[in-house]
Amino acid sequence: MNTAKKWIALLLTCCLCLALIACGEAAKEEPAAQEEEQQEPAQETEPEAPVEEAEEPAAVDESLPVRVMTLNGTTGFGMAQLIQKAEAGEASLNYAFSVETDPSNVMAALVNGDCDIAALPTNAAAALYNKTSGKVQVLALNTLGVLYLVTDGSVTVESFADLEGQTVYVPAQNPTFIFNYLCEANGVNVEVDNSYAQPAELNTAVASGQVAIAVLPEPLLTVARSQNPDLVVALDLTAEWDKVAQPGSLVQGCVVVRTDFAAEHPAELARFLEEYGASVAFLEEDPAAAGQMIEAAGIFAKAAVAEKAIPRCNLCFITGEQMQAQLAAFLQIMGETAPNSIGGQIPGDDFYCILK
């Protein structure tokens, strides 16, 4: 029995030694594995892109003379409050305003550099662009359609179809071009009479009852109705235009800028747009006060008439790509129906001054 116990004790001792040796080998291998993991190269990370600093807006030179011309009448209405602010020293730019009655004076001033910014009929702006090979650009639209067909009450007109075979008195140039297009688009034969070529002349004839059917622009329409209460506004030609052409594309007034001025003074031009846009918005906010400003600036003779006319003048402030889309559609039609009215050809994309 003693011998057997000795053999069992010896066998257990050997097993224990083998187990200890195995544990020791495992302990040696673990640091080696850790060393291999530590020796693996770390993954490269993308360097962080440098943070770009936002460009500071260009400083505005508030002492820079900015010469602005506008026509009397609807095209100039939107300038009224800005003119008053400039006279009171409340505008942020050094403006010099003048109000003209003849578009040719404004166009000449733009050509010879005596004017930087001006309000003009859209067809005149396109014609000037073509005449000067791009020395002017359109900056904003300020007037959509201002034309209305009126009757003396002796003729009932509810649509263009009712004009078939009738004689309609229309001012020369742009009103005639627009009216002719509408007649053609509606398929009616109308005799267009330009005997009273100037809107003011036709206004007098309409007010005195000398003509039965006529096309008049605002604010002269308001004047005629105040003198002859029998007049009936039969058709809004802007609404009729929208039925046969791209809606919103009857644009009759705009603001232009000399191309060189736009390139040299973008910060000042942007500031002008801010102030002019606010001046246009004021017309709708307070027509009564705006009417007083319009009279004071010499843009229209009677404040009360201007106040009444403002809601039907379709005044607006449209810039950028929307400006280009609406005006390009109008000029496309004029280029097809009355190319001479826009200088013989449709202006290119560089006609549109779109500030970034």
Protein backbone atom coordinates (compact mmCIF):
# COMPACT_ATOMS: atom_id res chain seq x y z
CA MET A 1 0.00 0.00 0.00
CA ASN A 2 2.79 2.43 0.76
CA THR A 3 4.40 1.69 -2.59
CA ALA A 4 1.13 2.34 -4.47
CA LYS A 5 0.62 5.69 -2.69
CA LYS A 6 4.13 6.75 -3.63
CA TRP A 7 3.44 6.05 -7.33
CA ILE A 8 0.14 7.99 -7.25
CA ALA A 9 1.81 10.95 -5.55
CA LEU A 10 4.58 10.96 -8.16
CA LEU A 11 2.05 10.88 -11.02
CA LEU A 12 0.09 13.83 -9.60
CA THR A 13 3.29 15.82 -9.17
CA CYS A 14 4.20 15.27 -12.86
CA CYS A 15 0.72 16.41 -14.05
CA LEU A 16 0.96 19.52 -11.94
CA CYS A 17 4.36 20.39 -13.37
CA LEU A 18 3.11 19.95 -16.97
CA ALA A 19 0.14 22.26 -16.26
CA LEU A 20 2.42 24.93 -14.85
CA ILE A 21 4.73 24.71 -17.89
CA ALA A 22 1.74 25.11 -20.26
CA CYS A 23 0.48 28.19 -18.40
CA GLY A 24 3.93 29.72 -18.57
CA GLU A 25 4.13 29.26 -22.34
CA ALA A 26 0.71 30.90 -22.79
CA ALA A 27 1.79 33.81 -20.65
CA LYS A 28 4.87 34.29 -22.85
CA GLU A 29 2.81 34.28 -26.09
CA GLU A 30 0.28 36.95 -24.93
CA PRO A 31 2.76 39.87 -24.73
CA ALA A 32 4.14 38.84 -28.11
CA ALA A 33 0.66 39.11 -29.62
CA GLN A 34 0.20 42.49 -27.98
CA GLU A 35 3.55 43.65 -29.43
CA GLU A 36 2.43 42.59 -32.93
CA GLU A 37 -0.81 44.58 -32.54
CA GLN A 38 1.16 47.62 -31.39
CA GLN A 39 3.50 47.32 -34.38
CA GLU A 40 0.62 47.54 -36.92
CA PRO A 41 0.66 51.02 -38.54
CA ALA A 42 -2.14 53.35 -37.50
CA GLN A 43 -4.72 54.18 -40.19
CA GLU A 44 -4.12 57.54 -41.85
CA THR A 45 -6.89 60.12 -41.41
CA GLU A 46 -7.92 62.79 -43.92
CA PRO A 47 -6.55 66.20 -42.99
CA GLU A 48 -9.32 68.60 -42.02
CA ALA A 49 -10.15 71.12 -44.72
CA PRO A 50 -9.26 74.66 -43.76
CA VAL A 51 -12.27 76.71 -42.72
CA GLU A 52 -12.94 79.42 -45.30
CA GLU A 53 -13.67 82.78 -43.87
CA ALA A 54 -16.85 84.39 -45.19
CA GLU A 55 -16.16 87.29 -47.51
CA GLU A 56 -17.07 90.60 -46.02
CA PRO A 57 -19.50 92.62 -48.13
CA ALA A 58 -17.86 95.37 -50.11
CA ALA A 59 -17.98 98.74 -48.45
CA VAL A 60 -20.48 101.23 -49.86
CA ASP A 61 -19.11 104.60 -50.87
CA GLU A 62 -21.89 106.83 -49.58
CA SER A 63 -20.24 109.91 -51.08
CA LEU A 64 -20.29 108.54 -54.63
CA PRO A 65 -22.55 110.71 -56.84
CA VAL A 66 -25.39 108.57 -58.24
CA ARG A 67 -27.28 110.40 -60.99
CA VAL A 68 -30.82 109.13 -61.50
CA MET A 69 -33.33 110.24 -64.13
CA THR A 70 -36.97 109.27 -64.42
CA LEU A 71 -39.89 110.09 -66.66
CA ASN A 72 -43.02 111.77 -65.41
CA GLY A 73 -45.98 109.42 -65.26
CA THR A 74 -46.40 105.85 -64.08
CA THR A 75 -42.84 104.75 -64.86
CA GLY A 76 -41.54 107.26 -62.33
CA PHE A 77 -44.07 106.69 -59.52
CA GLY A 78 -41.82 104.27 -57.66
CA MET A 79 -39.03 106.86 -57.29
CA ALA A 80 -41.18 109.35 -55.35
CA GLN A 81 -40.37 108.36 -51.77
CA LEU A 82 -36.68 107.89 -52.53
CA ILE A 83 -36.55 111.35 -54.11
CA GLN A 84 -38.09 112.82 -50.97
CA LYS A 85 -35.62 110.97 -48.73
CA ALA A 86 -32.70 112.20 -50.83
CA GLU A 87 -33.89 115.80 -50.57
CA ALA A 88 -34.27 115.41 -46.80
CA GLY A 89 -30.78 113.93 -46.46
CA GLU A 90 -32.21 110.58 -45.32
CA ALA A 91 -31.03 108.43 -48.24
CA SER A 92 -27.82 106.46 -47.81
CA LEU A 93 -26.34 107.40 -51.19
CA ASN A 94 -25.41 110.75 -52.73
CA TYR A 95 -28.29 110.90 -55.23
CA ALA A 96 -28.95 113.56 -57.84
CA PHE A 97 -32.48 113.12 -59.26
CA SER A 98 -34.12 114.70 -62.27
CA VAL A 99 -37.61 114.18 -63.73
CA GLU A 100 -37.99 114.39 -67.52
CA THR A 101 -40.96 114.52 -69.88
CA ASP A 102 -39.12 113.32 -73.00
CA PRO A 103 -37.61 109.79 -73.09
CA SER A 104 -35.05 110.92 -75.68
CA ASN A 105 -33.46 113.24 -73.09
CA VAL A 106 -33.02 110.35 -70.69
CA MET A 107 -31.62 108.06 -73.36
CA ALA A 108 -29.13 110.70 -74.50
CA ALA A 109 -27.93 111.24 -70.93
CA LEU A 110 -27.33 107.52 -70.50
CA VAL A 111 -25.34 107.38 -73.74
CA ASN A 112 -23.06 110.33 -72.96
CA GLY A 113 -22.54 109.33 -69.34
CA ASP A 114 -24.49 112.16 -67.70
CA CYS A 115 -26.88 109.66 -66.08
CA ASP A 116 -26.13 106.42 -64.21
CA ILE A 117 -29.59 104.97 -63.53
CA ALA A 118 -32.92 105.71 -65.21
CA ALA A 119 -36.56 104.64 -65.36
CA LEU A 120 -37.70 103.98 -68.94
CA PRO A 121 -40.32 102.10 -70.95
CA THR A 122 -39.11 98.55 -71.55
CA ASN A 123 -39.10 98.86 -75.34
CA ALA A 124 -37.02 102.05 -75.11
CA ALA A 125 -34.53 100.26 -72.85
CA ALA A 126 -34.18 97.40 -75.36
CA ALA A 127 -33.79 99.85 -78.26
CA LEU A 128 -31.07 101.75 -76.37
CA TYR A 129 -29.23 98.50 -75.60
CA ASN A 130 -29.23 97.62 -79.30
CA LYS A 131 -28.25 101.14 -80.38
CA THR A 132 -25.27 101.31 -78.01
CA SER A 133 -24.11 97.68 -78.38
CA GLY A 134 -24.88 96.83 -74.77
CA LYS A 135 -23.91 99.99 -72.90
CA VAL A 136 -27.06 99.81 -70.78
CA GLN A 137 -28.61 96.96 -68.81
CA VAL A 138 -32.02 96.47 -67.25
CA LEU A 139 -31.84 96.37 -63.47
CA ALA A 140 -35.47 95.92 -62.37
CA LEU A 141 -39.03 95.89 -63.65
CA ASN A 142 -41.19 98.62 -62.13
CA THR A 143 -44.45 98.60 -64.13
CA LEU A 144 -46.50 95.81 -65.66
CA GLY A 145 -49.46 96.68 -67.91
CA VAL A 146 -51.13 100.09 -67.50
CA LEU A 147 -53.45 100.03 -70.55
CA TYR A 148 -57.25 99.87 -70.46
CA LEU A 149 -59.90 99.91 -73.18
CA VAL A 150 -62.67 102.41 -72.43
CA THR A 151 -65.93 103.28 -74.14
CA ASP A 152 -68.28 106.24 -73.92
CA GLY A 153 -71.16 103.94 -73.00
CA SER A 154 -72.67 103.91 -76.49
CA VAL A 155 -70.96 100.61 -77.35
CA THR A 156 -71.02 97.45 -75.27
CA VAL A 157 -67.64 95.69 -75.13
CA GLU A 158 -67.22 92.65 -72.90
CA SER A 159 -64.50 90.82 -74.86
CA PHE A 160 -62.23 91.27 -77.85
CA ALA A 161 -64.84 89.56 -80.00
CA ASP A 162 -67.07 92.62 -79.50
CA LEU A 163 -64.43 94.80 -81.19
CA GLU A 164 -64.78 93.10 -84.58
CA GLY A 165 -65.13 95.82 -87.24
CA GLN A 166 -64.88 98.67 -84.73
CA THR A 167 -62.58 101.71 -84.82
CA VAL A 168 -60.42 102.02 -81.73
CA TYR A 169 -58.30 105.09 -81.00
CA VAL A 170 -54.91 104.17 -79.58
CA PRO A 171 -51.81 106.25 -78.73
CA ALA A 172 -48.89 105.66 -81.08
CA GLN A 173 -45.88 103.45 -80.46
CA ASN A 174 -45.98 100.95 -77.58
CA PRO A 175 -49.73 101.06 -76.83
CA THR A 176 -50.45 100.41 -80.50
CA PHE A 177 -47.95 97.54 -80.72
CA ILE A 178 -49.48 95.89 -77.65
CA PHE A 179 -53.07 96.40 -78.82
CA ASN A 180 -52.31 95.09 -82.32
CA TYR A 181 -50.83 91.92 -80.84
CA LEU A 182 -53.93 91.37 -78.71
CA CYS A 183 -56.23 91.85 -81.70
CA GLU A 184 -54.21 89.36 -83.74
CA ALA A 185 -54.07 86.85 -80.89
CA ASN A 186 -57.86 87.07 -80.51
CA GLY A 187 -58.48 86.84 -84.26
CA VAL A 188 -60.44 90.09 -84.60
CA ASN A 189 -60.23 92.77 -87.30
CA VAL A 190 -60.08 96.22 -85.77
CA GLU A 191 -59.27 99.58 -87.35
CA VAL A 192 -56.61 101.17 -85.14
CA ASP A 193 -56.63 104.98 -85.37
CA ASN A 194 -53.53 106.93 -84.25
CA SER A 195 -55.02 110.36 -84.91
CA TYR A 196 -54.31 111.26 -81.28
CA ALA A 197 -50.74 110.03 -81.15
CA GLN A 198 -49.92 111.26 -77.66
CA PRO A 199 -51.76 109.80 -74.63
CA ALA A 200 -52.56 113.29 -73.34
CA GLU A 201 -54.18 114.25 -76.64
CA LEU A 202 -56.30 111.12 -76.67
CA ASN A 203 -57.22 111.65 -73.05
CA THR A 204 -58.68 115.06 -73.94
CA ALA A 205 -60.64 113.58 -76.85
CA VAL A 206 -62.01 110.76 -74.69
CA ALA A 207 -62.97 113.07 -71.82
CA SER A 208 -64.82 115.41 -74.19
CA GLY A 209 -66.72 112.56 -75.86
CA GLN A 210 -65.10 112.91 -79.29
CA VAL A 211 -64.31 109.18 -79.57
CA ALA A 212 -66.41 106.16 -78.66
CA ILE A 213 -63.71 103.53 -78.01
CA ALA A 214 -60.11 104.15 -76.98
CA VAL A 215 -57.09 102.66 -75.23
CA LEU A 216 -55.78 104.82 -72.39
CA PRO A 217 -52.95 104.33 -69.90
CA GLU A 218 -53.13 105.09 -66.21
CA PRO A 219 -53.02 107.64 -64.66
CA LEU A 220 -54.60 109.46 -67.64
CA LEU A 221 -57.55 107.08 -67.49
CA THR A 222 -58.32 108.34 -63.99
CA VAL A 223 -58.13 111.92 -65.25
CA ALA A 224 -60.52 111.19 -68.14
CA ARG A 225 -63.05 109.46 -65.85
CA SER A 226 -63.01 112.38 -63.44
CA GLN A 227 -63.95 114.66 -66.35
CA ASN A 228 -66.44 112.30 -68.00
CA PRO A 229 -68.32 110.01 -65.56
CA ASP A 230 -70.03 108.23 -68.47
CA LEU A 231 -66.81 106.47 -69.45
CA VAL A 232 -66.82 102.70 -68.98
CA VAL A 233 -63.66 100.65 -68.39
CA ALA A 234 -64.48 97.73 -70.67
CA LEU A 235 -61.25 95.70 -70.77
CA ASP A 236 -58.10 95.48 -68.66
CA LEU A 237 -55.47 94.82 -71.34
CA THR A 238 -53.07 93.30 -68.81
CA ALA A 239 -55.67 90.63 -67.95
CA GLU A 240 -56.34 90.11 -71.67
CA TRP A 241 -52.61 89.72 -72.32
CA ASP A 242 -52.33 87.04 -69.66
CA LYS A 243 -55.00 85.01 -71.51
CA VAL A 244 -52.97 84.76 -74.73
CA ALA A 245 -49.33 85.09 -73.59
CA GLN A 246 -47.12 84.12 -70.67
CA PRO A 247 -48.84 85.52 -67.56
CA GLY A 248 -46.99 88.48 -66.12
CA SER A 249 -45.05 89.16 -69.31
CA LEU A 250 -46.75 92.44 -70.20
CA VAL A 251 -44.05 94.66 -68.71
CA GLN A 252 -44.08 98.30 -69.75
CA GLY A 253 -41.67 100.00 -67.37
CA CYS A 254 -38.19 99.25 -66.01
CA VAL A 255 -35.08 100.70 -64.40
CA VAL A 256 -31.83 100.61 -66.36
CA VAL A 257 -28.21 101.21 -65.44
CA ARG A 258 -25.15 102.09 -67.46
CA THR A 259 -23.18 98.88 -67.93
CA ASP A 260 -19.91 100.57 -66.89
CA PHE A 261 -21.48 101.91 -63.70
CA ALA A 262 -22.81 98.45 -62.81
CA ALA A 263 -19.36 96.91 -63.28
CA GLU A 264 -17.52 99.60 -61.31
CA HIS A 265 -19.96 100.10 -58.43
CA PRO A 266 -21.80 96.85 -57.58
CA ALA A 267 -22.05 97.64 -53.85
CA GLU A 268 -23.61 101.03 -54.48
CA LEU A 269 -25.95 99.51 -57.07
CA ALA A 270 -27.12 96.90 -54.58
CA ARG A 271 -27.78 99.65 -52.04
CA PHE A 272 -29.80 101.59 -54.62
CA LEU A 273 -31.94 98.52 -55.27
CA GLU A 274 -32.65 98.18 -51.54
CA GLU A 275 -33.75 101.80 -51.26
CA TYR A 276 -35.67 101.80 -54.53
CA GLY A 277 -37.48 98.57 -53.62
CA ALA A 278 -38.60 100.13 -50.33
CA SER A 279 -39.76 103.23 -52.21
CA VAL A 280 -41.92 101.13 -54.56
CA ALA A 281 -43.40 99.17 -51.63
CA PHE A 282 -44.42 102.44 -49.97
CA LEU A 283 -46.84 103.16 -52.83
CA GLU A 284 -49.10 100.31 -51.78
CA GLU A 285 -48.60 100.88 -48.05
CA ASP A 286 -49.78 104.48 -48.15
CA PRO A 287 -51.18 105.63 -51.55
CA ALA A 288 -52.34 108.96 -50.13
CA ALA A 289 -48.91 109.94 -48.84
CA ALA A 290 -47.31 108.52 -51.98
CA GLY A 291 -49.58 110.68 -54.11
CA GLN A 292 -48.34 113.76 -52.28
CA MET A 293 -44.74 112.72 -52.87
CA ILE A 294 -45.41 112.06 -56.56
CA GLU A 295 -46.80 115.58 -56.97
CA ALA A 296 -43.98 117.16 -54.96
CA ALA A 297 -41.36 115.43 -57.10
CA GLY A 298 -43.00 116.62 -60.33
CA ILE A 299 -43.71 113.08 -61.48
CA PHE A 300 -47.43 113.80 -61.86
CA ALA A 301 -49.37 117.02 -61.47
CA LYS A 302 -52.16 116.01 -59.09
CA ALA A 303 -51.65 114.00 -55.91
CA ALA A 304 -55.32 113.01 -55.65
CA VAL A 305 -55.31 111.54 -59.17
CA ALA A 306 -52.08 109.66 -58.53
CA GLU A 307 -53.54 108.21 -55.33
CA LYS A 308 -56.63 106.92 -57.16
CA ALA A 309 -54.58 105.58 -60.08
CA ILE A 310 -51.97 103.65 -58.07
CA PRO A 311 -54.10 100.48 -57.59
CA ARG A 312 -54.57 100.14 -61.38
CA CYS A 313 -50.99 101.00 -62.37
CA ASN A 314 -49.67 97.46 -61.73
CA LEU A 315 -46.51 98.86 -60.15
CA CYS A 316 -43.92 96.29 -59.16
CA PHE A 317 -40.32 95.68 -58.11
CA ILE A 318 -38.97 92.58 -59.85
CA THR A 319 -35.27 91.74 -60.17
CA GLY A 320 -33.00 88.81 -60.95
CA GLU A 321 -34.01 85.75 -62.90
CA GLN A 322 -37.73 86.49 -62.59
CA MET A 323 -37.12 89.89 -64.17
CA GLN A 324 -35.29 88.27 -67.07
CA ALA A 325 -37.96 85.61 -67.62
CA GLN A 326 -40.84 88.09 -67.73
CA LEU A 327 -39.12 90.74 -69.82
CA ALA A 328 -37.58 88.24 -72.25
CA ALA A 329 -41.06 86.84 -72.95
CA PHE A 330 -42.39 90.35 -73.69
CA LEU A 331 -39.45 91.26 -75.92
CA GLN A 332 -39.82 87.98 -77.81
CA ILE A 333 -43.37 88.99 -78.75
CA MET A 334 -42.34 92.54 -79.63
CA GLY A 335 -39.46 91.19 -81.69
CA GLU A 336 -41.90 89.14 -83.74
CA THR A 337 -44.70 91.69 -84.08
CA ALA A 338 -42.94 95.11 -83.93
CA PRO A 339 -39.16 94.60 -84.13
CA ASN A 340 -38.43 98.28 -84.73
CA SER A 341 -39.96 99.09 -81.35
CA ILE A 342 -37.09 97.33 -79.58
CA GLY A 343 -34.27 98.37 -81.89
CA GLY A 344 -34.54 95.66 -84.52
CA GLN A 345 -33.53 92.59 -82.53
CA ILE A 346 -34.10 90.83 -79.23
CA PRO A 347 -31.38 91.72 -76.67
CA GLY A 348 -28.98 89.04 -75.48
CA ASP A 349 -28.59 87.69 -71.97
CA ASP A 350 -26.10 90.44 -71.11
CA PHE A 351 -29.00 92.91 -71.30
CA TYR A 352 -30.03 91.73 -67.81
CA CYS A 353 -28.07 93.00 -64.81
CA ILE A 354 -28.50 90.31 -62.15
CA LEU A 355 -26.54 91.10 -59.00
CA LYS A 356 -24.94 88.16 -57.17
